Amino acid sequence: MRLTSNKIEHLAGRLLHLCQQSKQIHVPGSADLVIRTIEDVIFADMRREEEIDEQVDELIQKHKNEIQTLEMDMGSLRNKFKREIAKKQGFVL
């Protein structure tokens, strides 16, 4: 899922708001700092997912002839590779 900067800002604000409303969560520090931290985490996860996508592209390119010969479904194969790589790297999609 690709998110715009505006959408990430909106999500960060909503997350902060939900945390502030929770009686179980205490948000220390300034709201701006918390929002920037949430945004940074989201951006970092998106970058990591893009790296996984690049690894999937490399795998598909490496085995392109075999995939075409066996007439494999590229979409399901891509999803399978992505799940496996993410799992090996401890990344939750």
Protein backbone atom coordinates (compact mmCIF):
# COMPACT_ATOMS: atom_id res chain seq x y z
CA MET A 1 0.00 0.00 0.00
CA ARG A 2 1.46 3.31 -1.05
CA LEU A 3 0.74 6.33 1.11
CA THR A 4 1.15 10.00 0.28
CA SER A 5 2.88 12.37 2.69
CA ASN A 6 -0.48 13.96 3.46
CA LYS A 7 -2.04 10.60 4.27
CA ILE A 8 0.88 9.71 6.55
CA GLU A 9 0.52 13.04 8.36
CA HIS A 10 -3.19 12.40 8.79
CA LEU A 11 -2.62 8.87 10.09
CA ALA A 12 0.04 10.08 12.53
CA GLY A 13 -2.33 12.70 13.87
CA ARG A 14 -5.12 10.15 14.26
CA LEU A 15 -2.81 7.70 16.03
CA LEU A 16 -1.70 10.39 18.45
CA HIS A 17 -5.30 11.37 19.09
CA LEU A 18 -6.28 7.76 19.78
CA CYS A 19 -3.33 7.35 22.15
CA GLN A 20 -4.22 10.53 23.99
CA GLN A 21 -7.79 9.30 24.45
CA SER A 22 -6.68 5.96 25.83
CA LYS A 23 -6.49 5.65 29.60
CA GLN A 24 -3.84 2.95 29.23
CA ILE A 25 -1.38 5.05 27.21
CA HIS A 26 0.52 8.06 28.48
CA VAL A 27 2.08 10.17 25.73
CA PRO A 28 5.14 11.97 27.12
CA GLY A 29 6.67 14.96 25.39
CA SER A 30 5.28 17.29 22.79
CA ALA A 31 2.60 16.22 20.35
CA ASP A 32 4.73 17.44 17.42
CA LEU A 33 7.61 15.18 18.42
CA VAL A 34 5.31 12.18 18.75
CA ILE A 35 3.73 12.88 15.35
CA ARG A 36 7.15 13.23 13.69
CA THR A 37 8.26 9.95 15.28
CA ILE A 38 5.16 8.14 14.02
CA GLU A 39 5.69 9.58 10.55
CA ASP A 40 9.34 8.50 10.58
CA VAL A 41 8.36 4.94 11.50
CA ILE A 42 5.77 4.78 8.73
CA PHE A 43 8.23 6.16 6.16
CA ALA A 44 10.91 3.67 7.32
CA ASP A 45 8.47 0.77 6.95
CA MET A 46 7.51 1.94 3.48
CA ARG A 47 11.19 2.11 2.48
CA ARG A 48 11.74 -1.37 3.84
CA GLU A 49 8.77 -2.70 1.90
CA GLU A 50 10.15 -1.08 -1.26
CA GLU A 51 13.46 -2.88 -0.66
CA ILE A 52 11.57 -6.16 -0.38
CA ASP A 53 9.75 -5.35 -3.63
CA GLU A 54 13.13 -4.81 -5.31
CA GLN A 55 14.33 -8.19 -4.05
CA VAL A 56 11.16 -9.79 -5.44
CA ASP A 57 11.80 -8.11 -8.81
CA GLU A 58 15.34 -9.51 -8.81
CA LEU A 59 14.09 -13.03 -8.05
CA ILE A 60 11.47 -12.86 -10.77
CA GLN A 61 14.00 -11.54 -13.27
CA LYS A 62 16.47 -14.26 -12.29
CA HIS A 63 13.87 -17.01 -12.86
CA LYS A 64 11.97 -15.31 -15.70
CA ASN A 65 12.50 -18.09 -18.25
CA GLU A 66 11.40 -20.81 -15.83
CA ILE A 67 8.33 -18.79 -14.82
CA GLN A 68 7.32 -18.29 -18.46
CA THR A 69 7.98 -21.93 -19.37
CA LEU A 70 5.80 -23.18 -16.51
CA GLU A 71 3.18 -20.50 -17.21
CA MET A 72 3.09 -19.49 -13.56
CA ASP A 73 0.73 -16.78 -12.31
CA MET A 74 2.99 -13.77 -11.90
CA GLY A 75 0.74 -12.02 -9.34
CA SER A 76 0.48 -14.94 -6.96
CA LEU A 77 4.17 -15.75 -7.41
CA ARG A 78 5.11 -12.13 -6.61
CA ASN A 79 2.95 -12.21 -3.47
CA LYS A 80 4.45 -15.52 -2.38
CA PHE A 81 8.02 -14.27 -2.85
CA LYS A 82 7.20 -11.06 -1.01
CA ARG A 83 5.68 -12.90 1.97
CA GLU A 84 8.64 -15.27 2.17
CA ILE A 85 11.27 -12.53 1.98
CA ALA A 86 9.42 -10.41 4.53
CA LYS A 87 9.10 -13.37 6.88
CA LYS A 88 12.82 -14.17 6.61
CA GLN A 89 13.64 -10.55 7.44
CA GLY A 90 11.20 -10.39 10.33
CA PHE A 91 9.09 -7.74 8.57
CA VAL A 92 5.32 -7.81 8.93
CA LEU A 93 3.44 -6.83 5.78
